[in-house]
Protein backbone atom coordinates (compact mmCIF):
# COMPACT_ATOMS: atom_id res chain seq x y z
CA MET A 1 -106.99 -11.38 19.48
CA LYS A 2 -104.09 -9.10 20.48
CA LEU A 3 -100.56 -10.48 20.85
CA LEU A 4 -97.37 -9.51 22.67
CA PHE A 5 -94.49 -10.86 20.56
CA VAL A 6 -91.13 -10.91 22.36
CA THR A 7 -87.90 -11.63 20.51
CA GLN A 8 -84.19 -10.89 20.45
CA THR A 9 -83.88 -8.71 17.35
CA ILE A 10 -86.30 -7.01 14.98
CA ASP A 11 -84.13 -6.06 12.03
CA ARG A 12 -84.77 -7.04 8.42
CA GLU A 13 -81.01 -6.67 7.69
CA ASN A 14 -79.90 -9.13 10.39
CA ASP A 15 -78.13 -12.17 8.91
CA VAL A 16 -79.44 -14.64 11.50
CA LEU A 17 -82.73 -13.24 12.78
CA GLY A 18 -83.87 -11.23 9.77
CA PHE A 19 -86.63 -13.81 9.25
CA VAL A 20 -88.41 -12.52 12.38
CA HIS A 21 -89.38 -9.40 10.45
CA ARG A 22 -91.14 -11.51 7.83
CA TRP A 23 -92.80 -13.59 10.55
CA LEU A 24 -94.30 -10.41 12.01
CA GLU A 25 -95.52 -9.31 8.58
CA VAL A 26 -97.38 -12.58 8.03
CA LEU A 27 -98.63 -12.93 11.62
CA SER A 28 -100.10 -9.43 11.43
CA GLY A 29 -102.79 -10.92 9.21
CA SER A 30 -103.82 -13.35 11.95
CA PHE A 31 -104.07 -10.96 14.92
CA ALA A 32 -105.94 -7.70 15.50
CA SER A 33 -102.74 -6.09 16.73
CA ILE A 34 -99.21 -7.06 17.78
CA VAL A 35 -96.89 -5.33 20.23
CA ALA A 36 -93.46 -6.54 19.10
CA VAL A 37 -90.72 -6.15 21.70
CA GLY A 38 -87.09 -6.66 20.74
CA LEU A 39 -83.96 -6.48 22.85
CA GLY A 40 -82.57 -4.56 19.88
CA VAL A 41 -84.34 -3.01 16.90
CA GLY A 42 -82.91 -2.14 13.50
CA ARG A 43 -84.45 -1.48 10.10
CA HIS A 44 -88.08 -2.49 9.83
CA ALA A 45 -91.18 -1.73 7.77
CA LEU A 46 -94.18 -3.49 9.25
CA PRO A 47 -97.96 -3.15 8.90
CA HIS A 48 -99.68 -0.48 11.00
CA THR A 49 -101.14 -3.18 13.26
CA VAL A 50 -97.62 -4.08 14.45
CA ARG A 51 -96.11 -1.66 16.97
CA VAL A 52 -92.37 -2.16 17.53
CA VAL A 53 -90.83 -1.45 20.93
CA SER A 54 -87.11 -1.69 21.67
CA LEU A 55 -85.43 -2.47 24.98
CA GLY A 56 -82.58 -0.30 23.73
CA LYS A 57 -79.67 -2.63 23.08
CA GLU A 58 -78.81 -0.68 19.91
CA GLN A 59 -78.17 2.34 22.14
CA GLY A 60 -76.24 0.46 24.79
CA GLY A 61 -77.14 -0.42 28.35
CA THR A 62 -76.78 -3.07 31.03
CA THR A 63 -78.60 -6.34 31.50
CA ARG A 64 -80.28 -4.94 34.61
CA GLN A 65 -81.56 -1.94 32.65
CA PHE A 66 -82.95 -4.19 29.91
CA MET A 67 -84.70 -6.33 32.52
CA TRP A 68 -86.44 -3.36 34.15
CA ARG A 69 -87.40 -1.87 30.80
CA PHE A 70 -88.96 -5.17 29.76
CA LEU A 71 -90.95 -5.58 32.97
CA ASN A 72 -92.14 -1.99 32.67
CA ILE A 73 -93.28 -2.54 29.08
CA ALA A 74 -94.98 -5.86 29.90
CA TRP A 75 -96.95 -4.14 32.67
CA ARG A 76 -97.63 -0.86 30.85
CA GLU A 77 -98.94 -2.64 27.75
CA ARG A 78 -101.00 -5.23 29.67
CA LYS A 79 -104.31 -3.95 28.23
CA ASN A 80 -102.92 -4.12 24.69
CA TYR A 81 -102.42 -7.87 24.51
CA ASP A 82 -104.39 -11.02 25.32
CA ALA A 83 -101.58 -13.55 24.92
CA VAL A 84 -97.77 -13.64 24.91
CA PHE A 85 -95.49 -15.32 22.38
CA VAL A 86 -91.84 -15.48 23.50
CA HIS A 87 -89.49 -16.37 20.68
CA MET A 88 -86.41 -18.37 21.74
CA ASN A 89 -85.39 -16.38 24.83
CA GLU A 90 -86.69 -18.16 27.92
CA GLU A 91 -85.31 -15.33 30.09
CA TYR A 92 -88.39 -13.22 29.35
CA VAL A 93 -90.66 -15.95 30.66
CA LEU A 94 -88.53 -16.24 33.80
CA LEU A 95 -88.81 -12.48 34.31
CA ALA A 96 -92.50 -11.95 33.65
CA GLY A 97 -94.04 -15.42 33.73
CA LEU A 98 -95.54 -15.07 37.20
CA MET A 99 -96.92 -11.61 36.40
CA TRP A 100 -98.49 -12.88 33.18
CA ARG A 101 -100.05 -15.80 35.04
CA LEU A 102 -101.54 -13.44 37.64
CA LEU A 103 -102.85 -11.18 34.88
CA GLY A 104 -104.50 -14.15 33.20
CA LYS A 105 -102.37 -13.94 30.04
CA LYS A 106 -101.70 -17.13 28.12
CA VAL A 107 -97.96 -17.65 27.62
CA PHE A 108 -96.48 -19.42 24.59
CA LEU A 109 -92.76 -20.18 24.48
CA TRP A 110 -90.89 -21.02 21.26
CA ARG A 111 -87.67 -22.86 22.10
CA ASN A 112 -85.87 -25.18 19.72
CA HIS A 113 -82.41 -25.69 21.21
CA PRO A 114 -81.16 -29.25 21.86
CA MET A 115 -79.77 -28.31 25.29
CA GLY A 116 -81.57 -26.97 28.35
CA THR A 117 -81.08 -26.23 32.05
CA TRP A 118 -83.15 -25.91 35.21
CA LYS A 119 -83.98 -22.39 33.98
CA THR A 120 -85.56 -23.89 30.89
CA LYS A 121 -87.68 -26.18 33.04
CA ILE A 122 -88.92 -23.24 35.11
CA ALA A 123 -89.76 -21.30 31.95
CA VAL A 124 -91.70 -24.31 30.67
CA MET A 125 -93.57 -24.42 33.97
CA PHE A 126 -94.73 -20.80 33.55
CA ALA A 127 -95.68 -21.31 29.89
CA HIS A 128 -99.08 -22.69 28.96
CA THR A 129 -97.79 -24.17 25.70
CA VAL A 130 -94.27 -24.69 24.33
CA PHE A 131 -93.44 -24.85 20.63
CA CYS A 132 -90.46 -26.42 18.89
CA THR A 133 -89.77 -27.74 15.39
CA SER A 134 -87.59 -30.74 16.19
CA PRO A 135 -88.49 -33.89 18.15
CA HIS A 136 -84.87 -33.82 19.34
CA ALA A 137 -85.17 -30.37 20.99
CA PHE A 138 -84.82 -30.21 24.78
CA THR A 139 -88.38 -28.96 25.19
CA ALA A 140 -89.84 -31.79 23.09
CA GLN A 141 -89.90 -33.99 26.23
CA PHE A 142 -92.67 -32.01 27.93
CA SER A 143 -96.35 -32.92 27.59
CA LYS A 144 -97.33 -29.29 26.94
CA THR A 145 -94.97 -29.08 23.93
CA LYS A 146 -96.26 -29.10 20.36
CA ILE A 147 -94.14 -29.68 17.24
CA MET A 148 -94.59 -26.84 14.78
CA PRO A 149 -93.53 -25.92 11.23
CA ALA A 150 -90.23 -24.04 11.00
CA GLY A 151 -91.84 -21.10 9.21
CA ILE A 152 -90.02 -20.89 5.87
CA ASP A 153 -91.13 -18.13 3.49
CA THR A 154 -91.42 -20.29 0.38
CA GLU A 155 -92.24 -17.27 -1.79
CA MET A 156 -89.00 -15.59 -0.80
CA PHE A 157 -87.01 -18.83 -0.94
CA ALA A 158 -87.76 -20.01 -4.47
CA THR A 159 -85.77 -22.14 -6.91
CA GLY A 160 -84.76 -19.43 -9.37
CA ASP A 161 -83.07 -20.25 -12.69
CA THR A 162 -81.42 -23.66 -12.31
CA LYS A 163 -79.22 -23.01 -15.36
CA LYS A 164 -77.40 -20.21 -13.52
CA ARG A 165 -76.07 -22.42 -10.74
CA VAL A 166 -72.30 -22.84 -10.56
CA PRO A 167 -71.47 -26.43 -11.67
CA TYR A 168 -69.91 -28.72 -9.04
CA SER A 169 -70.37 -26.17 -6.28
CA LEU A 170 -71.45 -26.03 -2.67
CA VAL A 171 -72.15 -23.38 -0.07
CA MET A 172 -72.24 -23.24 3.72
CA LEU A 173 -74.22 -20.32 5.13
CA GLY A 174 -74.22 -19.42 8.80
CA ARG A 175 -72.09 -18.39 11.73
CA ILE A 176 -68.61 -19.94 11.70
CA ALA A 177 -68.39 -21.93 14.93
CA PRO A 178 -67.44 -25.42 16.15
CA ILE A 179 -71.11 -26.43 16.48
CA LYS A 180 -71.65 -25.53 12.81
CA GLY A 181 -68.82 -27.83 11.67
CA GLN A 182 -67.06 -25.83 8.96
CA LYS A 183 -63.79 -27.61 9.78
CA ILE A 184 -65.43 -30.97 9.07
CA VAL A 185 -66.54 -29.75 5.66
CA VAL A 186 -63.11 -28.32 4.82
CA ASP A 187 -61.53 -31.66 5.78
CA ALA A 188 -64.06 -33.39 3.53
CA LEU A 189 -63.12 -31.10 0.64
CA LEU A 190 -59.43 -31.86 1.23
CA GLU A 191 -60.26 -35.59 1.10
CA LEU A 192 -62.01 -35.10 -2.23
CA SER A 193 -59.19 -32.93 -3.57
CA ARG A 194 -56.64 -35.65 -2.82
CA LYS A 195 -58.72 -37.94 -5.03
CA GLY A 196 -58.79 -35.39 -7.83
CA HIS A 197 -62.39 -34.35 -7.19
CA HIS A 198 -62.55 -30.56 -6.96
CA VAL A 199 -65.68 -28.79 -5.79
CA ARG A 200 -66.10 -25.02 -5.87
CA SER A 201 -66.91 -24.10 -2.25
CA VAL A 202 -68.08 -20.90 -0.59
CA PHE A 203 -68.45 -20.27 3.16
CA VAL A 204 -70.73 -17.35 4.00
CA GLY A 205 -70.84 -16.12 7.58
CA ASP A 206 -69.17 -14.24 10.41
CA ALA A 207 -67.99 -15.49 13.80
CA LEU A 208 -68.22 -14.50 17.42
CA GLN A 209 -65.04 -13.20 19.00
CA CYS A 210 -64.82 -16.31 21.18
CA ASP A 211 -64.59 -18.46 18.03
CA GLU A 212 -61.78 -16.56 16.29
CA ALA A 213 -59.28 -19.36 16.96
CA TYR A 214 -61.63 -21.83 15.30
CA VAL A 215 -62.02 -19.54 12.29
CA SER A 216 -58.23 -19.36 11.91
CA ASP A 217 -58.00 -23.14 12.09
CA VAL A 218 -60.66 -23.53 9.40
CA LYS A 219 -59.03 -21.01 7.05
CA ILE A 220 -55.52 -22.41 7.51
CA SER A 221 -56.80 -25.90 6.70
CA ALA A 222 -58.48 -24.52 3.57
CA LEU A 223 -55.29 -22.92 2.19
CA THR A 224 -54.39 -26.12 0.32
CA LEU A 225 -57.62 -25.82 -1.67
CA GLY A 226 -56.42 -22.54 -3.18
CA ASP A 227 -58.97 -20.57 -5.19
CA MET A 228 -61.46 -23.45 -5.07
CA VAL A 229 -62.64 -22.18 -1.67
CA GLU A 230 -63.80 -18.72 -0.67
CA PHE A 231 -64.84 -17.14 2.62
CA LEU A 232 -67.41 -14.33 2.46
CA PRO A 233 -68.92 -12.17 5.22
CA ALA A 234 -72.45 -12.72 6.46
CA VAL A 235 -75.30 -11.34 4.35
CA PRO A 236 -78.70 -9.97 5.41
CA HIS A 237 -81.35 -12.66 5.61
CA HIS A 238 -83.21 -11.34 2.58
CA GLU A 239 -80.10 -11.97 0.44
CA ALA A 240 -79.91 -15.66 1.42
CA PRO A 241 -82.19 -16.82 -1.46
CA ARG A 242 -79.71 -15.42 -3.97
CA ILE A 243 -76.94 -17.43 -2.29
CA PHE A 244 -78.94 -20.65 -2.37
CA GLN A 245 -79.91 -20.09 -6.00
CA THR A 246 -76.26 -19.74 -7.04
CA TYR A 247 -74.86 -23.09 -5.91
CA GLU A 248 -75.84 -26.71 -6.48
CA MET A 249 -75.31 -28.07 -2.97
CA PHE A 250 -75.78 -26.76 0.55
CA VAL A 251 -73.83 -28.44 3.34
CA ASN A 252 -74.88 -28.30 6.98
CA ALA A 253 -72.77 -30.11 9.57
CA THR A 254 -74.75 -29.13 12.67
CA PRO A 255 -75.52 -32.33 14.60
CA SER A 256 -79.01 -33.57 15.42
CA GLY A 257 -80.88 -31.78 18.17
CA SER A 258 -82.25 -28.60 16.69
CA LEU A 259 -83.72 -28.12 13.25
CA ASP A 260 -81.52 -25.58 11.47
CA LYS A 261 -83.79 -23.35 9.36
CA THR A 262 -81.08 -22.79 6.75
CA ILE A 263 -81.41 -26.42 5.63
CA LEU A 264 -85.10 -25.94 4.89
CA GLU A 265 -84.45 -22.57 3.26
CA ALA A 266 -81.88 -24.19 0.97
CA MET A 267 -84.31 -26.99 0.12
CA ALA A 268 -87.05 -24.48 -0.70
CA SER A 269 -84.55 -22.74 -3.01
CA GLY A 270 -83.73 -25.89 -4.97
CA CYS A 271 -80.27 -26.30 -3.46
CA ILE A 272 -79.54 -29.96 -2.67
CA PRO A 273 -78.86 -30.36 1.08
CA ILE A 274 -76.04 -32.52 2.43
CA VAL A 275 -76.74 -33.03 6.11
CA CYS A 276 -76.10 -35.15 9.19
CA ASN A 277 -79.26 -34.22 11.11
CA ASP A 278 -81.30 -37.36 11.76
CA TYR A 279 -84.52 -35.41 11.21
CA PHE A 280 -83.87 -35.60 7.46
CA ARG A 281 -83.45 -39.38 7.24
CA GLY A 282 -86.20 -40.56 4.96
CA VAL A 283 -86.86 -36.99 3.84
CA VAL A 284 -83.88 -36.34 1.58
CA ASP A 285 -82.11 -38.87 -0.66
CA ARG A 286 -79.99 -41.27 1.41
CA GLU A 287 -76.89 -40.17 -0.52
CA CYS A 288 -77.35 -36.69 0.99
CA MET A 289 -76.84 -37.98 4.54
CA PHE A 290 -73.47 -38.29 6.28
CA VAL A 291 -72.30 -39.32 9.73
CA SER A 292 -72.12 -36.39 12.15
CA GLY A 293 -68.54 -35.26 12.78
CA ASP A 294 -67.10 -37.62 10.15
CA ALA A 295 -65.23 -35.76 7.38
CA ARG A 296 -64.77 -38.89 5.27
CA SER A 297 -68.49 -39.62 5.35
CA CYS A 298 -69.18 -35.99 4.44
CA ALA A 299 -66.74 -36.27 1.52
CA GLU A 300 -68.56 -39.37 0.25
CA ALA A 301 -71.90 -37.57 0.35
CA ILE A 302 -70.54 -34.53 -1.49
CA GLY A 303 -68.93 -36.82 -4.06
CA HIS A 304 -72.15 -38.75 -4.65
CA VAL A 305 -74.39 -35.70 -5.02
CA SER A 306 -71.96 -33.75 -7.22
CA GLY A 307 -72.05 -36.71 -9.61
CA TRP A 308 -75.82 -36.70 -10.00
CA SER A 309 -77.33 -36.18 -13.43
CA GLU A 310 -79.19 -32.93 -14.04
CA GLU A 311 -82.43 -34.90 -14.24
CA LYS A 312 -81.96 -36.45 -10.81
CA ARG A 313 -80.89 -33.11 -9.34
CA GLN A 314 -84.04 -31.39 -10.56
CA THR A 315 -86.26 -34.28 -9.44
CA GLU A 316 -84.78 -34.22 -5.93
CA ALA A 317 -84.90 -30.43 -5.77
CA ALA A 318 -88.62 -30.44 -6.64
CA LYS A 319 -89.33 -33.16 -4.07
CA ASN A 320 -87.41 -31.29 -1.35
CA ARG A 321 -89.20 -28.03 -2.07
CA GLY A 322 -92.54 -29.82 -1.95
CA PHE A 323 -91.67 -31.18 1.49
CA VAL A 324 -90.90 -27.69 2.83
CA ILE A 325 -94.12 -26.25 1.40
CA GLU A 326 -96.21 -29.07 2.85
CA HIS A 327 -94.63 -29.26 6.30
CA HIS A 328 -92.68 -26.09 7.11
CA SER A 329 -94.04 -23.06 5.24
CA LEU A 330 -94.54 -19.73 6.96
CA THR A 331 -98.22 -19.60 6.01
CA LEU A 332 -98.73 -23.00 7.63
CA LEU A 333 -96.92 -21.84 10.78
CA ALA A 334 -98.94 -18.61 11.01
CA ASP A 335 -102.20 -20.54 10.71
CA LYS A 336 -101.19 -23.10 13.36
CA LEU A 337 -99.96 -20.42 15.77
CA ARG A 338 -103.21 -18.47 15.41
CA ARG A 339 -105.32 -21.58 16.01
CA GLU A 340 -103.23 -22.73 18.99
CA ILE A 341 -103.26 -19.31 20.64
CA GLU A 342 -106.95 -18.62 19.97
CA SER A 343 -108.01 -22.08 21.13
CA SER A 344 -105.98 -21.89 24.32
CA THR A 345 -107.14 -18.39 25.14
CA LEU A 346 -110.82 -19.14 24.51
CA HIS A 347 -110.66 -22.06 26.96
CA GLN A 348 -108.93 -20.26 29.78
């Protein structure tokens, strides 16, 4: 089975999409060959069965140029793939979906965002199967959609030495943006500080230019916390395990809808998650859950978890890691993707 894998970025140093490189490494063991097409391509070192092709964003260009390059590649390589896996970007299915259908290629779309438009619905129509990880994703409503593991590399994201974690500490890792809720967490930390409860806090991530005003608001609010809070730039994805292994708690304030991979990565690394995503109700300890958008509720959760005994912390960390291994590991995802694609293609 030969696969065309289409994604936004193939770059092991990328802070957000660096995991795609590891996905391709593992998937290479399940397919005879993979043609991996990225809008932009950076540093990579993949098996010989994976051929990387760039649309050239790293060299500059226009959207129209990228579109034509992609269509040209999809046509030129048509004899080098049996099925198509489009990761996140529905635009590629809109561009080439009809061509792939006429060529008899099975099309698989991975889309996990909570919001969607008429374009998403058209992309779903062209796809034979749609994958998502959250039952709250926009695409979860369609009959052709299948819920999949998130694909966490549980060898890379390991617990490390628990004795080296900073006591009474938390980290947020990810792009600084309103949807990510850093301001809610800062307000929660201020609430705790007023009560004499100080938690060492680190925010790791960059921001888009359109969110610079939000970043300023977050940092100004955090000034009162003094040296108890620190803002650090984004790190390559392969450095994320070190971050998670350094702190006791990981806070994620993204509301329900999509399943943020960083939560599962933190859990696999033994970092206790404090979340508001309804997916995790009944998965993590109830004291780890807070009401979405509610700083006071977030403060209560941080306060509860920071007061846990070391025994409870280790017990919960082991349970959380076990959940990720059982339900969301990369090896599990690779096996399910291979079976889904092979089964669908064999029955065409």
